[in-house]
Amino acid sequence: MTQHASLTLQRWLQFSIEQRILMIGNEMNRTLKRLEDLAPEPRRLGYERVLRLTDLTLEAGVRPGLRRELLRWRGLAAALYVADVPDVRSHRAAFRALLQLHPAAASQIPVLLS
C-alpha cells in the first residue's frame, strides 16, 4: 500500500489546485532523491505516490485546459515509472513541467531545480 492509498477525494478537494500541484511536486522531489538508490523499490513507490496524487487531482476536476496538460504530464510520470533505468534528466524535466502548470508552483523552480 502506498502512502496516499487512504487519501480520499473529499480530503483532496480541501486543497487548492496550487496546493495539489505542489504536493505532487513534493513527491517528485522525494523521488528525485531516490533515483540513485540501487534498489528500484523506493523509486517505484515514489512514482506510485506521484501517479496517485495526479489521479486524485484529475478526479477532483480541474478546468479543461489544465486537465489536458495534467493528463499529458501524467504520461511523462507514467513513462518514468515503467522505465527500466532511472533517468535523472527526464525526471527533472518532468518535475519542471509539473511546476510550470501553476504560477505559484513555478515560482519554486529556482529553489527545487537549481
PDB file of N, CA and C in Angstrom:
ATOM      1  N   MET A   1       0.840  -1.176   0.000  1.00  0.00           N
ATOM      2  CA  MET A   1       0.000   0.000   0.000  1.00  0.00           C
ATOM      3  C   MET A   1       0.890   1.245   0.000  1.00  0.00           C
ATOM      4  N   THR A   2       0.573   2.183  -0.870  1.00  0.00           N
ATOM      5  CA  THR A   2       1.366   3.401  -0.916  1.00  0.00           C
ATOM      6  C   THR A   2       0.910   4.371   0.162  1.00  0.00           C
ATOM      7  N   GLN A   3       1.731   5.351   0.374  1.00  0.00           N
ATOM      8  CA  GLN A   3       1.493   6.320   1.437  1.00  0.00           C
ATOM      9  C   GLN A   3       0.148   7.027   1.294  1.00  0.00           C
ATOM     10  N   HIS A   4      -0.275   7.306   0.079  1.00  0.00           N
ATOM     11  CA  HIS A   4      -1.504   8.066  -0.135  1.00  0.00           C
ATOM     12  C   HIS A   4      -2.699   7.192  -0.513  1.00  0.00           C
ATOM     13  N   ALA A   5      -2.595   5.900  -0.330  1.00  0.00           N
ATOM     14  CA  ALA A   5      -3.672   4.993  -0.723  1.00  0.00           C
ATOM     15  C   ALA A   5      -4.965   5.284   0.032  1.00  0.00           C
ATOM     16  N   SER A   6      -4.866   5.764   1.252  1.00  0.00           N
ATOM     17  CA  SER A   6      -6.067   6.020   2.044  1.00  0.00           C
ATOM     18  C   SER A   6      -6.571   7.463   1.894  1.00  0.00           C
ATOM     19  N   LEU A   7      -5.878   8.280   1.142  1.00  0.00           N
ATOM     20  CA  LEU A   7      -6.303   9.657   0.928  1.00  0.00           C
ATOM     21  C   LEU A   7      -7.587   9.668   0.103  1.00  0.00           C
ATOM     22  N   THR A   8      -8.601  10.314   0.624  1.00  0.00           N
ATOM     23  CA  THR A   8      -9.891  10.324  -0.063  1.00  0.00           C
ATOM     24  C   THR A   8     -10.015  11.543  -0.962  1.00  0.00           C
ATOM     25  N   LEU A   9     -10.908  11.423  -1.925  1.00  0.00           N
ATOM     26  CA  LEU A   9     -11.186  12.540  -2.810  1.00  0.00           C
ATOM     27  C   LEU A   9     -11.732  13.727  -2.009  1.00  0.00           C
ATOM     28  N   GLN A  10     -12.562  13.450  -1.023  1.00  0.00           N
ATOM     29  CA  GLN A  10     -13.125  14.521  -0.208  1.00  0.00           C
ATOM     30  C   GLN A  10     -12.021  15.300   0.504  1.00  0.00           C
ATOM     31  N   ARG A  11     -11.046  14.590   1.017  1.00  0.00           N
ATOM     32  CA  ARG A  11      -9.918  15.265   1.683  1.00  0.00           C
ATOM     33  C   ARG A  11      -9.100  16.049   0.672  1.00  0.00           C
ATOM     34  N   TRP A  12      -8.866  15.471  -0.500  1.00  0.00           N
ATOM     35  CA  TRP A  12      -8.057  16.111  -1.544  1.00  0.00           C
ATOM     36  C   TRP A  12      -8.742  17.388  -2.037  1.00  0.00           C
ATOM     37  N   LEU A  13     -10.062  17.390  -2.068  1.00  0.00           N
ATOM     38  CA  LEU A  13     -10.815  18.565  -2.517  1.00  0.00           C
ATOM     39  C   LEU A  13     -10.659  19.756  -1.566  1.00  0.00           C
ATOM     40  N   GLN A  14     -10.190  19.513  -0.368  1.00  0.00           N
ATOM     41  CA  GLN A  14      -9.995  20.605   0.583  1.00  0.00           C
ATOM     42  C   GLN A  14      -8.787  21.465   0.235  1.00  0.00           C
ATOM     43  N   PHE A  15      -7.933  20.967  -0.660  1.00  0.00           N
ATOM     44  CA  PHE A  15      -6.738  21.714  -1.056  1.00  0.00           C
ATOM     45  C   PHE A  15      -6.992  22.459  -2.360  1.00  0.00           C
ATOM     46  N   SER A  16      -6.368  23.620  -2.504  1.00  0.00           N
ATOM     47  CA  SER A  16      -6.477  24.374  -3.754  1.00  0.00           C
ATOM     48  C   SER A  16      -5.668  23.660  -4.842  1.00  0.00           C
ATOM     49  N   ILE A  17      -5.905  24.019  -6.090  1.00  0.00           N
ATOM     50  CA  ILE A  17      -5.148  23.406  -7.186  1.00  0.00           C
ATOM     51  C   ILE A  17      -3.656  23.708  -7.031  1.00  0.00           C
ATOM     52  N   GLU A  18      -3.333  24.875  -6.550  1.00  0.00           N
ATOM     53  CA  GLU A  18      -1.936  25.222  -6.283  1.00  0.00           C
ATOM     54  C   GLU A  18      -1.321  24.249  -5.277  1.00  0.00           C
ATOM     55  N   GLN A  19      -2.037  24.001  -4.199  1.00  0.00           N
ATOM     56  CA  GLN A  19      -1.541  23.088  -3.173  1.00  0.00           C
ATOM     57  C   GLN A  19      -1.427  21.664  -3.709  1.00  0.00           C
ATOM     58  N   ARG A  20      -2.386  21.249  -4.513  1.00  0.00           N
ATOM     59  CA  ARG A  20      -2.341  19.900  -5.082  1.00  0.00           C
ATOM     60  C   ARG A  20      -1.109  19.721  -5.960  1.00  0.00           C
ATOM     61  N   ILE A  21      -0.859  20.692  -6.819  1.00  0.00           N
ATOM     62  CA  ILE A  21       0.314  20.598  -7.696  1.00  0.00           C
ATOM     63  C   ILE A  21       1.594  20.603  -6.882  1.00  0.00           C
ATOM     64  N   LEU A  22       1.638  21.438  -5.854  1.00  0.00           N
ATOM     65  CA  LEU A  22       2.834  21.471  -5.003  1.00  0.00           C
ATOM     66  C   LEU A  22       3.019  20.158  -4.236  1.00  0.00           C
ATOM     67  N   MET A  23       1.924  19.505  -3.846  1.00  0.00           N
ATOM     68  CA  MET A  23       2.053  18.220  -3.146  1.00  0.00           C
ATOM     69  C   MET A  23       2.527  17.116  -4.103  1.00  0.00           C
ATOM     70  N   ILE A  24       2.060  17.164  -5.342  1.00  0.00           N
ATOM     71  CA  ILE A  24       2.587  16.224  -6.337  1.00  0.00           C
ATOM     72  C   ILE A  24       4.075  16.516  -6.533  1.00  0.00           C
ATOM     73  N   GLY A  25       4.404  17.803  -6.602  1.00  0.00           N
ATOM     74  CA  GLY A  25       5.808  18.205  -6.733  1.00  0.00           C
ATOM     75  C   GLY A  25       6.651  17.737  -5.561  1.00  0.00           C
ATOM     76  N   ASN A  26       6.085  17.752  -4.374  1.00  0.00           N
ATOM     77  CA  ASN A  26       6.807  17.266  -3.203  1.00  0.00           C
ATOM     78  C   ASN A  26       7.177  15.793  -3.372  1.00  0.00           C
ATOM     79  N   GLU A  27       6.243  15.009  -3.899  1.00  0.00           N
ATOM     80  CA  GLU A  27       6.538  13.590  -4.146  1.00  0.00           C
ATOM     81  C   GLU A  27       7.585  13.435  -5.254  1.00  0.00           C
ATOM     82  N   MET A  28       7.525  14.301  -6.262  1.00  0.00           N
ATOM     83  CA  MET A  28       8.553  14.256  -7.318  1.00  0.00           C
ATOM     84  C   MET A  28       9.922  14.585  -6.718  1.00  0.00           C
ATOM     85  N   ASN A  29       9.960  15.540  -5.806  1.00  0.00           N
ATOM     86  CA  ASN A  29      11.214  15.913  -5.161  1.00  0.00           C
ATOM     87  C   ASN A  29      11.760  14.761  -4.316  1.00  0.00           C
ATOM     88  N   ARG A  30      10.888  14.107  -3.566  1.00  0.00           N
ATOM     89  CA  ARG A  30      11.318  12.951  -2.766  1.00  0.00           C
ATOM     90  C   ARG A  30      11.844  11.833  -3.666  1.00  0.00           C
ATOM     91  N   THR A  31      11.146  11.600  -4.765  1.00  0.00           N
ATOM     92  CA  THR A  31      11.558  10.541  -5.684  1.00  0.00           C
ATOM     93  C   THR A  31      12.876  10.891  -6.350  1.00  0.00           C
ATOM     94  N   LEU A  32      13.092  12.154  -6.661  1.00  0.00           N
ATOM     95  CA  LEU A  32      14.363  12.590  -7.256  1.00  0.00           C
ATOM     96  C   LEU A  32      15.534  12.194  -6.367  1.00  0.00           C
ATOM     97  N   LYS A  33      15.343  12.318  -5.076  1.00  0.00           N
ATOM     98  CA  LYS A  33      16.403  11.976  -4.132  1.00  0.00           C
ATOM     99  C   LYS A  33      16.648  10.470  -4.061  1.00  0.00           C
ATOM    100  N   ARG A  34      15.701   9.673  -4.556  1.00  0.00           N
ATOM    101  CA  ARG A  34      15.833   8.211  -4.512  1.00  0.00           C
ATOM    102  C   ARG A  34      16.292   7.617  -5.839  1.00  0.00           C
ATOM    103  N   LEU A  35      16.495   8.443  -6.842  1.00  0.00           N
ATOM    104  CA  LEU A  35      16.840   7.911  -8.158  1.00  0.00           C
ATOM    105  C   LEU A  35      18.191   7.214  -8.190  1.00  0.00           C
ATOM    106  N   GLU A  36      19.067   7.567  -7.283  1.00  0.00           N
ATOM    107  CA  GLU A  36      20.387   6.944  -7.272  1.00  0.00           C
ATOM    108  C   GLU A  36      20.452   5.713  -6.381  1.00  0.00           C
ATOM    109  N   ASP A  37      19.342   5.372  -5.724  1.00  0.00           N
ATOM    110  CA  ASP A  37      19.304   4.139  -4.941  1.00  0.00           C
ATOM    111  C   ASP A  37      19.523   2.948  -5.864  1.00  0.00           C
ATOM    112  N   LEU A  38      20.269   1.992  -5.386  1.00  0.00           N
ATOM    113  CA  LEU A  38      20.489   0.796  -6.196  1.00  0.00           C
ATOM    114  C   LEU A  38      19.224  -0.047  -6.296  1.00  0.00           C
ATOM    115  N   ALA A  39      18.446  -0.072  -5.243  1.00  0.00           N
ATOM    116  CA  ALA A  39      17.208  -0.848  -5.251  1.00  0.00           C
ATOM    117  C   ALA A  39      16.113  -0.041  -5.954  1.00  0.00           C
ATOM    118  N   PRO A  40      15.380  -0.650  -6.870  1.00  0.00           N
ATOM    119  CA  PRO A  40      14.343   0.091  -7.603  1.00  0.00           C
ATOM    120  C   PRO A  40      13.074   0.351  -6.787  1.00  0.00           C
ATOM    121  N   GLU A  41      12.877  -0.356  -5.696  1.00  0.00           N
ATOM    122  CA  GLU A  41      11.629  -0.258  -4.936  1.00  0.00           C
ATOM    123  C   GLU A  41      11.321   1.155  -4.432  1.00  0.00           C
ATOM    124  N   PRO A  42      12.262   1.871  -3.803  1.00  0.00           N
ATOM    125  CA  PRO A  42      11.928   3.233  -3.337  1.00  0.00           C
ATOM    126  C   PRO A  42      11.512   4.152  -4.485  1.00  0.00           C
ATOM    127  N   ARG A  43      12.167   4.026  -5.623  1.00  0.00           N
ATOM    128  CA  ARG A  43      11.829   4.830  -6.791  1.00  0.00           C
ATOM    129  C   ARG A  43      10.432   4.469  -7.297  1.00  0.00           C
ATOM    130  N   ARG A  44      10.142   3.186  -7.384  1.00  0.00           N
ATOM    131  CA  ARG A  44       8.846   2.723  -7.859  1.00  0.00           C
ATOM    132  C   ARG A  44       7.724   3.230  -6.954  1.00  0.00           C
ATOM    133  N   LEU A  45       7.917   3.121  -5.654  1.00  0.00           N
ATOM    134  CA  LEU A  45       6.910   3.597  -4.706  1.00  0.00           C
ATOM    135  C   LEU A  45       6.718   5.115  -4.800  1.00  0.00           C
ATOM    136  N   GLY A  46       7.798   5.829  -5.032  1.00  0.00           N
ATOM    137  CA  GLY A  46       7.703   7.279  -5.210  1.00  0.00           C
ATOM    138  C   GLY A  46       6.838   7.643  -6.406  1.00  0.00           C
ATOM    139  N   TYR A  47       7.076   6.966  -7.519  1.00  0.00           N
ATOM    140  CA  TYR A  47       6.267   7.242  -8.715  1.00  0.00           C
ATOM    141  C   TYR A  47       4.817   6.800  -8.517  1.00  0.00           C
ATOM    142  N   GLU A  48       4.593   5.754  -7.753  1.00  0.00           N
ATOM    143  CA  GLU A  48       3.212   5.355  -7.461  1.00  0.00           C
ATOM    144  C   GLU A  48       2.487   6.455  -6.697  1.00  0.00           C
ATOM    145  N   ARG A  49       3.171   7.075  -5.748  1.00  0.00           N
ATOM    146  CA  ARG A  49       2.563   8.178  -4.998  1.00  0.00           C
ATOM    147  C   ARG A  49       2.285   9.368  -5.920  1.00  0.00           C
ATOM    148  N   VAL A  50       3.220   9.669  -6.810  1.00  0.00           N
ATOM    149  CA  VAL A  50       3.040  10.757  -7.772  1.00  0.00           C
ATOM    150  C   VAL A  50       1.804  10.489  -8.634  1.00  0.00           C
ATOM    151  N   LEU A  51       1.695   9.287  -9.150  1.00  0.00           N
ATOM    152  CA  LEU A  51       0.565   8.949 -10.013  1.00  0.00           C
ATOM    153  C   LEU A  51      -0.750   8.970  -9.237  1.00  0.00           C
ATOM    154  N   ARG A  52      -0.730   8.515  -8.009  1.00  0.00           N
ATOM    155  CA  ARG A  52      -1.941   8.509  -7.176  1.00  0.00           C
ATOM    156  C   ARG A  52      -2.445   9.928  -6.954  1.00  0.00           C
ATOM    157  N   LEU A  53      -1.546  10.849  -6.598  1.00  0.00           N
ATOM    158  CA  LEU A  53      -1.957  12.230  -6.360  1.00  0.00           C
ATOM    159  C   LEU A  53      -2.406  12.906  -7.655  1.00  0.00           C
ATOM    160  N   THR A  54      -1.761  12.573  -8.751  1.00  0.00           N
ATOM    161  CA  THR A  54      -2.172  13.119 -10.046  1.00  0.00           C
ATOM    162  C   THR A  54      -3.571  12.634 -10.397  1.00  0.00           C
ATOM    163  N   ASP A  55      -3.822  11.347 -10.194  1.00  0.00           N
ATOM    164  CA  ASP A  55      -5.148  10.798 -10.476  1.00  0.00           C
ATOM    165  C   ASP A  55      -6.220  11.446  -9.598  1.00  0.00           C
ATOM    166  N   LEU A  56      -5.910  11.662  -8.338  1.00  0.00           N
ATOM    167  CA  LEU A  56      -6.862  12.337  -7.450  1.00  0.00           C
ATOM    168  C   LEU A  56      -7.147  13.754  -7.927  1.00  0.00           C
ATOM    169  N   THR A  57      -6.118  14.436  -8.390  1.00  0.00           N
ATOM    170  CA  THR A  57      -6.289  15.800  -8.889  1.00  0.00           C
ATOM    171  C   THR A  57      -7.200  15.812 -10.105  1.00  0.00           C
ATOM    172  N   LEU A  58      -6.991  14.865 -11.007  1.00  0.00           N
ATOM    173  CA  LEU A  58      -7.841  14.768 -12.192  1.00  0.00           C
ATOM    174  C   LEU A  58      -9.275  14.400 -11.804  1.00  0.00           C
ATOM    175  N   GLU A  59      -9.411  13.500 -10.857  1.00  0.00           N
ATOM    176  CA  GLU A  59     -10.733  13.077 -10.396  1.00  0.00           C
ATOM    177  C   GLU A  59     -11.470  14.225  -9.709  1.00  0.00           C
ATOM    178  N   ALA A  60     -10.724  15.096  -9.042  1.00  0.00           N
ATOM    179  CA  ALA A  60     -11.319  16.224  -8.326  1.00  0.00           C
ATOM    180  C   ALA A  60     -11.900  17.253  -9.290  1.00  0.00           C
ATOM    181  N   GLY A  61     -11.439  17.229 -10.509  1.00  0.00           N
ATOM    182  CA  GLY A  61     -11.944  18.171 -11.505  1.00  0.00           C
ATOM    183  C   GLY A  61     -11.110  19.436 -11.555  1.00  0.00           C
ATOM    184  N   VAL A  62     -10.654  19.755 -12.717  1.00  0.00           N
ATOM    185  CA  VAL A  62      -9.898  20.980 -12.965  1.00  0.00           C
ATOM    186  C   VAL A  62     -10.406  21.564 -14.279  1.00  0.00           C
ATOM    187  N   ARG A  63     -10.066  22.810 -14.541  1.00  0.00           N
ATOM    188  CA  ARG A  63     -10.520  23.434 -15.784  1.00  0.00           C
ATOM    189  C   ARG A  63      -9.989  22.634 -16.977  1.00  0.00           C
ATOM    190  N   PRO A  64     -10.700  22.662 -18.099  1.00  0.00           N
ATOM    191  CA  PRO A  64     -10.352  21.793 -19.237  1.00  0.00           C
ATOM    192  C   PRO A  64      -8.912  21.914 -19.746  1.00  0.00           C
ATOM    193  N   GLY A  65      -8.391  23.124 -19.842  1.00  0.00           N
ATOM    194  CA  GLY A  65      -7.021  23.299 -20.331  1.00  0.00           C
ATOM    195  C   GLY A  65      -5.999  22.663 -19.393  1.00  0.00           C
ATOM    196  N   LEU A  66      -6.191  22.862 -18.111  1.00  0.00           N
ATOM    197  CA  LEU A  66      -5.286  22.256 -17.128  1.00  0.00           C
ATOM    198  C   LEU A  66      -5.448  20.745 -17.116  1.00  0.00           C
ATOM    199  N   ARG A  67      -6.671  20.272 -17.277  1.00  0.00           N
ATOM    200  CA  ARG A  67      -6.905  18.824 -17.330  1.00  0.00           C
ATOM    201  C   ARG A  67      -6.119  18.191 -18.478  1.00  0.00           C
ATOM    202  N   ARG A  68      -6.180  18.816 -19.641  1.00  0.00           N
ATOM    203  CA  ARG A  68      -5.447  18.304 -20.805  1.00  0.00           C
ATOM    204  C   ARG A  68      -3.943  18.246 -20.507  1.00  0.00           C
ATOM    205  N   GLU A  69      -3.414  19.331 -19.967  1.00  0.00           N
ATOM    206  CA  GLU A  69      -1.974  19.384 -19.682  1.00  0.00           C
ATOM    207  C   GLU A  69      -1.587  18.418 -18.571  1.00  0.00           C
ATOM    208  N   LEU A  70      -2.435  18.273 -17.584  1.00  0.00           N
ATOM    209  CA  LEU A  70      -2.148  17.344 -16.485  1.00  0.00           C
ATOM    210  C   LEU A  70      -2.189  15.902 -16.972  1.00  0.00           C
ATOM    211  N   LEU A  71      -3.089  15.587 -17.886  1.00  0.00           N
ATOM    212  CA  LEU A  71      -3.115  14.241 -18.477  1.00  0.00           C
ATOM    213  C   LEU A  71      -1.848  13.983 -19.292  1.00  0.00           C
ATOM    214  N   ARG A  72      -1.417  14.976 -20.037  1.00  0.00           N
ATOM    215  CA  ARG A  72      -0.164  14.833 -20.792  1.00  0.00           C
ATOM    216  C   ARG A  72       1.008  14.639 -19.828  1.00  0.00           C
ATOM    217  N   TRP A  73       1.013  15.413 -18.749  1.00  0.00           N
ATOM    218  CA  TRP A  73       2.083  15.293 -17.768  1.00  0.00           C
ATOM    219  C   TRP A  73       2.056  13.926 -17.093  1.00  0.00           C
ATOM    220  N   ARG A  74       0.863  13.420 -16.839  1.00  0.00           N
ATOM    221  CA  ARG A  74       0.743  12.094 -16.220  1.00  0.00           C
ATOM    222  C   ARG A  74       1.423  11.046 -17.099  1.00  0.00           C
ATOM    223  N   GLY A  75       1.314  11.202 -18.406  1.00  0.00           N
ATOM    224  CA  GLY A  75       2.007  10.291 -19.318  1.00  0.00           C
ATOM    225  C   GLY A  75       3.517  10.317 -19.107  1.00  0.00           C
ATOM    226  N   LEU A  76       4.075  11.500 -18.859  1.00  0.00           N
ATOM    227  CA  LEU A  76       5.513  11.607 -18.570  1.00  0.00           C
ATOM    228  C   LEU A  76       5.853  10.858 -17.278  1.00  0.00           C
ATOM    229  N   ALA A  77       5.039  11.075 -16.256  1.00  0.00           N
ATOM    230  CA  ALA A  77       5.280  10.408 -14.971  1.00  0.00           C
ATOM    231  C   ALA A  77       5.149   8.896 -15.104  1.00  0.00           C
ATOM    232  N   ALA A  78       4.176   8.444 -15.885  1.00  0.00           N
ATOM    233  CA  ALA A  78       3.988   7.004 -16.085  1.00  0.00           C
ATOM    234  C   ALA A  78       5.182   6.403 -16.822  1.00  0.00           C
ATOM    235  N   ALA A  79       5.729   7.131 -17.785  1.00  0.00           N
ATOM    236  CA  ALA A  79       6.913   6.644 -18.507  1.00  0.00           C
ATOM    237  C   ALA A  79       8.107   6.521 -17.566  1.00  0.00           C
ATOM    238  N   LEU A  80       8.243   7.456 -16.644  1.00  0.00           N
ATOM    239  CA  LEU A  80       9.321   7.365 -15.651  1.00  0.00           C
ATOM    240  C   LEU A  80       9.117   6.142 -14.756  1.00  0.00           C
ATOM    241  N   TYR A  81       7.875   5.874 -14.417  1.00  0.00           N
ATOM    242  CA  TYR A  81       7.543   4.741 -13.550  1.00  0.00           C
ATOM    243  C   TYR A  81       7.912   3.407 -14.196  1.00  0.00           C
ATOM    244  N   VAL A  82       7.653   3.247 -15.465  1.00  0.00           N
ATOM    245  CA  VAL A  82       7.891   1.960 -16.124  1.00  0.00           C
ATOM    246  C   VAL A  82       9.305   1.819 -16.688  1.00  0.00           C
ATOM    247  N   ALA A  83      10.088   2.884 -16.643  1.00  0.00           N
ATOM    248  CA  ALA A  83      11.453   2.829 -17.182  1.00  0.00           C
ATOM    249  C   ALA A  83      12.295   1.817 -16.410  1.00  0.00           C
ATOM    250  N   ASP A  84      13.089   1.041 -17.139  1.00  0.00           N
ATOM    251  CA  ASP A  84      13.969   0.060 -16.506  1.00  0.00           C
ATOM    252  C   ASP A  84      15.105   0.721 -15.740  1.00  0.00           C
ATOM    253  N   VAL A  85      15.593   1.827 -16.291  1.00  0.00           N
ATOM    254  CA  VAL A  85      16.743   2.519 -15.704  1.00  0.00           C
ATOM    255  C   VAL A  85      16.297   3.929 -15.319  1.00  0.00           C
ATOM    256  N   PRO A  86      16.603   4.372 -14.106  1.00  0.00           N
ATOM    257  CA  PRO A  86      16.212   5.726 -13.715  1.00  0.00           C
ATOM    258  C   PRO A  86      16.942   6.768 -14.558  1.00  0.00           C
ATOM    259  N   ASP A  87      16.241   7.814 -14.922  1.00  0.00           N
ATOM    260  CA  ASP A  87      16.811   8.874 -15.754  1.00  0.00           C
ATOM    261  C   ASP A  87      16.607  10.207 -15.044  1.00  0.00           C
ATOM    262  N   VAL A  88      17.665  10.696 -14.434  1.00  0.00           N
ATOM    263  CA  VAL A  88      17.583  11.924 -13.649  1.00  0.00           C
ATOM    264  C   VAL A  88      17.194  13.106 -14.536  1.00  0.00           C
ATOM    265  N   ARG A  89      17.742  13.186 -15.730  1.00  0.00           N
ATOM    266  CA  ARG A  89      17.419  14.306 -16.629  1.00  0.00           C
ATOM    267  C   ARG A  89      15.931  14.325 -16.984  1.00  0.00           C
ATOM    268  N   SER A  90      15.394  13.172 -17.336  1.00  0.00           N
ATOM    269  CA  SER A  90      13.971  13.097 -17.680  1.00  0.00           C
ATOM    270  C   SER A  90      13.098  13.396 -16.466  1.00  0.00           C
ATOM    271  N   HIS A  91      13.515  12.923 -15.309  1.00  0.00           N
ATOM    272  CA  HIS A  91      12.766  13.201 -14.092  1.00  0.00           C
ATOM    273  C   HIS A  91      12.738  14.707 -13.823  1.00  0.00           C
ATOM    274  N   ARG A  92      13.884  15.341 -13.894  1.00  0.00           N
ATOM    275  CA  ARG A  92      13.960  16.777 -13.643  1.00  0.00           C
ATOM    276  C   ARG A  92      13.135  17.560 -14.665  1.00  0.00           C
ATOM    277  N   ALA A  93      13.146  17.135 -15.917  1.00  0.00           N
ATOM    278  CA  ALA A  93      12.351  17.804 -16.955  1.00  0.00           C
ATOM    279  C   ALA A  93      10.858  17.656 -16.669  1.00  0.00           C
ATOM    280  N   ALA A  94      10.448  16.462 -16.250  1.00  0.00           N
ATOM    281  CA  ALA A  94       9.045  16.239 -15.916  1.00  0.00           C
ATOM    282  C   ALA A  94       8.655  17.043 -14.671  1.00  0.00           C
ATOM    283  N   PHE A  95       9.544  17.093 -13.711  1.00  0.00           N
ATOM    284  CA  PHE A  95       9.307  17.856 -12.482  1.00  0.00           C
ATOM    285  C   PHE A  95       9.114  19.332 -12.836  1.00  0.00           C
ATOM    286  N   ARG A  96       9.984  19.859 -13.680  1.00  0.00           N
ATOM    287  CA  ARG A  96       9.884  21.254 -14.117  1.00  0.00           C
ATOM    288  C   ARG A  96       8.550  21.495 -14.835  1.00  0.00           C
ATOM    289  N   ALA A  97       8.178  20.582 -15.719  1.00  0.00           N
ATOM    290  CA  ALA A  97       6.921  20.723 -16.462  1.00  0.00           C
ATOM    291  C   ALA A  97       5.722  20.745 -15.506  1.00  0.00           C
ATOM    292  N   LEU A  98       5.754  19.909 -14.479  1.00  0.00           N
ATOM    293  CA  LEU A  98       4.680  19.906 -13.492  1.00  0.00           C
ATOM    294  C   LEU A  98       4.578  21.261 -12.808  1.00  0.00           C
ATOM    295  N   LEU A  99       5.693  21.760 -12.337  1.00  0.00           N
ATOM    296  CA  LEU A  99       5.684  23.024 -11.605  1.00  0.00           C
ATOM    297  C   LEU A  99       5.235  24.183 -12.486  1.00  0.00           C
ATOM    298  N   GLN A 100       5.448  24.078 -13.778  1.00  0.00           N
ATOM    299  CA  GLN A 100       5.045  25.144 -14.688  1.00  0.00           C
ATOM    300  C   GLN A 100       3.532  25.168 -14.944  1.00  0.00           C
ATOM    301  N   LEU A 101       2.800  24.209 -14.406  1.00  0.00           N
ATOM    302  CA  LEU A 101       1.352  24.174 -14.597  1.00  0.00           C
ATOM    303  C   LEU A 101       0.614  25.221 -13.765  1.00  0.00           C
ATOM    304  N   HIS A 102       1.285  25.815 -12.788  1.00  0.00           N
ATOM    305  CA  HIS A 102       0.645  26.831 -11.954  1.00  0.00           C
ATOM    306  C   HIS A 102       1.680  27.897 -11.586  1.00  0.00           C
ATOM    307  N   PRO A 103       1.333  29.169 -11.673  1.00  0.00           N
ATOM    308  CA  PRO A 103       2.315  30.235 -11.383  1.00  0.00           C
ATOM    309  C   PRO A 103       2.973  30.131 -10.008  1.00  0.00           C
ATOM    310  N   ALA A 104       2.197  29.822  -8.985  1.00  0.00           N
ATOM    311  CA  ALA A 104       2.786  29.715  -7.640  1.00  0.00           C
ATOM    312  C   ALA A 104       3.755  28.544  -7.564  1.00  0.00           C
ATOM    313  N   ALA A 105       3.420  27.443  -8.211  1.00  0.00           N
ATOM    314  CA  ALA A 105       4.325  26.287  -8.230  1.00  0.00           C
ATOM    315  C   ALA A 105       5.573  26.613  -9.051  1.00  0.00           C
ATOM    316  N   ALA A 106       5.394  27.336 -10.143  1.00  0.00           N
ATOM    317  CA  ALA A 106       6.529  27.698 -10.996  1.00  0.00           C
ATOM    318  C   ALA A 106       7.541  28.555 -10.248  1.00  0.00           C
ATOM    319  N   SER A 107       7.067  29.329  -9.288  1.00  0.00           N
ATOM    320  CA  SER A 107       7.991  30.164  -8.520  1.00  0.00           C
ATOM    321  C   SER A 107       8.946  29.327  -7.672  1.00  0.00           C
ATOM    322  N   GLN A 108       8.656  28.044  -7.505  1.00  0.00           N
ATOM    323  CA  GLN A 108       9.509  27.152  -6.719  1.00  0.00           C
ATOM    324  C   GLN A 108      10.628  26.517  -7.552  1.00  0.00           C
ATOM    325  N   ILE A 109      10.581  26.673  -8.857  1.00  0.00           N
ATOM    326  CA  ILE A 109      11.583  26.054  -9.726  1.00  0.00           C
ATOM    327  C   ILE A 109      13.006  26.420  -9.337  1.00  0.00           C
ATOM    328  N   PRO A 110      13.322  27.707  -9.113  1.00  0.00           N
ATOM    329  CA  PRO A 110      14.721  28.028  -8.732  1.00  0.00           C
ATOM    330  C   PRO A 110      15.169  27.359  -7.431  1.00  0.00           C
ATOM    331  N   VAL A 111      14.239  27.147  -6.522  1.00  0.00           N
ATOM    332  CA  VAL A 111      14.573  26.528  -5.246  1.00  0.00           C
ATOM    333  C   VAL A 111      14.760  25.018  -5.394  1.00  0.00           C
ATOM    334  N   LEU A 112      13.860  24.382  -6.143  1.00  0.00           N
ATOM    335  CA  LEU A 112      13.856  22.927  -6.209  1.00  0.00           C
ATOM    336  C   LEU A 112      14.731  22.352  -7.316  1.00  0.00           C
ATOM    337  N   LEU A 113      14.921  23.100  -8.371  1.00  0.00           N
ATOM    338  CA  LEU A 113      15.638  22.534  -9.535  1.00  0.00           C
ATOM    339  C   LEU A 113      16.825  23.382  -9.957  1.00  0.00           C
ATOM    340  N   SER A 114      17.466  24.030  -9.014  1.00  0.00           N
ATOM    341  CA  SER A 114      18.627  24.856  -9.362  1.00  0.00           C
ATOM    342  C   SER A 114      19.860  24.028  -9.600  1.00  0.00           C
TER     343      SER A 114
END
